[in-house]
Amino acid sequence: MPLCLFLSSGVDSSLVAGVIARDLNASVQCLTIDAPAGNAQDESIAAARIAAHLGLPHRVVAQEPFLDQVGIADLLRLFGQPNDNTGIVSVIAVAAAARQQDFVVGLTGFGGDEIFRGYQKQTFAWENRGLYAKPAWARQLLGRALHAVRPRDSRVRAFEALFALPDNLRYLALKNNPAIAWLRQLPGFDAWAAARFAGRAPFHDQVARFEIADVLPGSQLPAADIGAMSRGVELRTPFLDRRLVETVAAFDPRALLAFGQKSVLRRLQARYVPAEIARKGKVGFVYPVQRVLAERPAPAALPIAVAPGWIQSLWDQRGKSEFQRLTLRLALLEEFAANHGGL
């Protein structure tokens, strides 16, 4: 069966490449998506070095033609419902290149971040576990006291946005900061959060479980599967092998978090890829949300009850990176409602 590897310059896919080349003594065609010239998100050069070190064939795939082909309506068409995972564009680009070379199956590193707690938000939750463990009333009281003393201090505002909140809003604030203030204005939002994020588990464990149980099957895997299958390519995800997932789930969280982000996988990666060519930080695919939304007018109406001016005030923030995901969701929701006669 023709097989290729979707290789980024990250830990997960490079570890898969290392196991194939060194442990299995096999070869696999590596495909890496590039980025527009001069973009700091470009992984292709680092990925080429990794492939060369492992003696694997490598090809760089241009993403730009696909960026212009996938807008709001296209995202809805692909997913069949509102989903803001624009990473589907990069999967489509690589899958198209794979199919051109007669590959019908692609190996990926998907799932490594979820299983090994590799996201920055998971590291943040761990590093601040002592503060998160304090009663909500104590965090909120401290937030009010700090605000009274230094209302304009950016660190105080960050504390208020991330910590001075009820327990059931901690994850949502961490993932949507600073847009959480707008989300809380939605009718029923706090009540939904209270029901959805109930529980007494340590916050860093709650984050990890939500990423695995909700985000992975609800967003990440659909983007990967739909994007690849739109070009006739099936994906295989070694990190989601049940035996591996069950083994890692039994680890003490300290083994995954106490020694730095993705420390377990980085130690394994060092067996195959020298430190000087291994990428240190995390780089994600960047969809041009600002360009897509720039000329689009604010949604005239949404199938939800909101305060007057709420839509426009939020839409006016769409040029800021921290608001782009939420404003993209507004555009998707408007388009979906228009195509389906409301919700």
Foldseek 3Di string as FASTA:
>chain_A
DQEAEADFLALQSLLVLLCCLPVVVHEHEYEYEADPPPDPLGRQVLRVVSCVLSVYHYDYFYLVVLLVVDALVNVCVLLVADALQPCLSVLLRRLLVCVVVVHAEYEYRPPLCLLLVQDPLLLVLVVCLVLQLDALVVLLVVLVVVCVVPVPDPVSVVSCQQRNDHNLCNLVSSVQPPCVVLQVQFPCSVVVSCVVRDDDPRPSVSNSCCCVVPVCVPHVVSSNQSSNVVNNHHYDHVCVDVVNSVVSVPDDSCVSHVPDRRVVSVVSSCVRDPPVSRDDDDRDDDRPLCVSLVPPDFQPDALGDGDPPSRVVLSVCCNPPSSVSVSSSRVSRSVVCVVVVHD
